[in-house]
Protein backbone atom coordinates (compact mmCIF):
# COMPACT_ATOMS: atom_id res chain seq x y z
CA UNK A 1 -18.43 29.08 21.14
CA UNK A 2 -19.42 28.21 17.60
CA UNK A 3 -19.38 24.59 16.51
CA UNK A 4 -16.78 23.56 13.93
CA UNK A 5 -17.64 23.01 10.29
CA UNK A 6 -20.07 20.23 9.54
CA UNK A 7 -18.61 17.09 8.02
CA UNK A 8 -19.79 16.41 4.47
CA UNK A 9 -22.32 13.62 4.12
CA UNK A 10 -21.09 10.87 1.80
CA UNK A 11 -23.32 10.29 -1.19
CA UNK A 12 -23.77 7.46 -3.69
CA UNK A 13 -21.74 9.51 -6.18
CA UNK A 14 -18.85 9.62 -3.70
CA UNK A 15 -18.98 5.82 -3.35
CA UNK A 16 -19.00 5.40 -7.14
CA UNK A 17 -16.07 7.81 -7.51
CA UNK A 18 -14.12 5.96 -4.83
CA UNK A 19 -14.79 2.62 -6.53
CA UNK A 20 -13.63 3.99 -9.88
CA UNK A 21 -10.50 5.41 -8.26
CA UNK A 22 -9.70 2.06 -6.63
CA UNK A 23 -10.13 0.18 -9.92
CA UNK A 24 -7.93 2.67 -11.75
CA UNK A 25 -5.19 2.47 -9.12
CA UNK A 26 -5.21 -1.33 -9.16
CA UNK A 27 -4.77 -1.32 -12.93
CA UNK A 28 -1.86 1.13 -12.98
CA UNK A 29 1.58 -0.55 -12.78
CA UNK A 30 3.19 2.59 -11.35
CA UNK A 31 0.82 2.41 -8.36
CA UNK A 32 1.94 -1.16 -7.67
CA UNK A 33 5.59 -0.09 -7.93
CA UNK A 34 5.15 2.83 -5.52
CA UNK A 35 3.16 0.62 -3.11
CA UNK A 36 6.00 -1.93 -3.16
CA UNK A 37 8.70 0.70 -2.62
CA UNK A 38 6.80 2.28 0.27
CA UNK A 39 6.00 -1.10 1.87
CA UNK A 40 9.71 -2.01 1.84
CA UNK A 41 10.62 1.40 3.25
CA UNK A 42 8.11 1.07 6.08
CA UNK A 43 9.23 -2.50 6.84
CA UNK A 44 12.84 -1.35 7.12
CA UNK A 45 11.82 1.73 9.13
CA UNK A 46 13.35 4.07 6.55
CA UNK A 47 13.08 7.78 7.18
CA UNK A 48 13.68 8.70 3.53
CA UNK A 49 12.98 7.11 0.16
CA UNK A 50 15.23 7.94 -2.78
CA UNK A 51 14.70 6.68 -6.33
CA UNK A 52 17.66 7.05 -8.68
CA UNK A 53 17.58 6.16 -12.38
CA UNK A 54 20.49 3.87 -13.26
CA UNK A 55 20.55 3.07 -16.97
CA UNK A 56 17.60 0.82 -17.72
CA UNK A 57 16.51 0.36 -14.10
CA UNK A 58 15.89 2.24 -10.86
CA UNK A 59 18.10 2.13 -7.83
């Protein structure tokens, strides 16, 4: 039996890329909105999440 594929070894570049990605996501308001929507959905044990535009807001 052959062993499975080897897992990639993380490098310093990977850590730098991950840090840059985290900083970018923290700065983006849409990320905060999606995080909030998903957190509420999980807390209420929702099976679906629907976002409907309603004039100047989302419903």
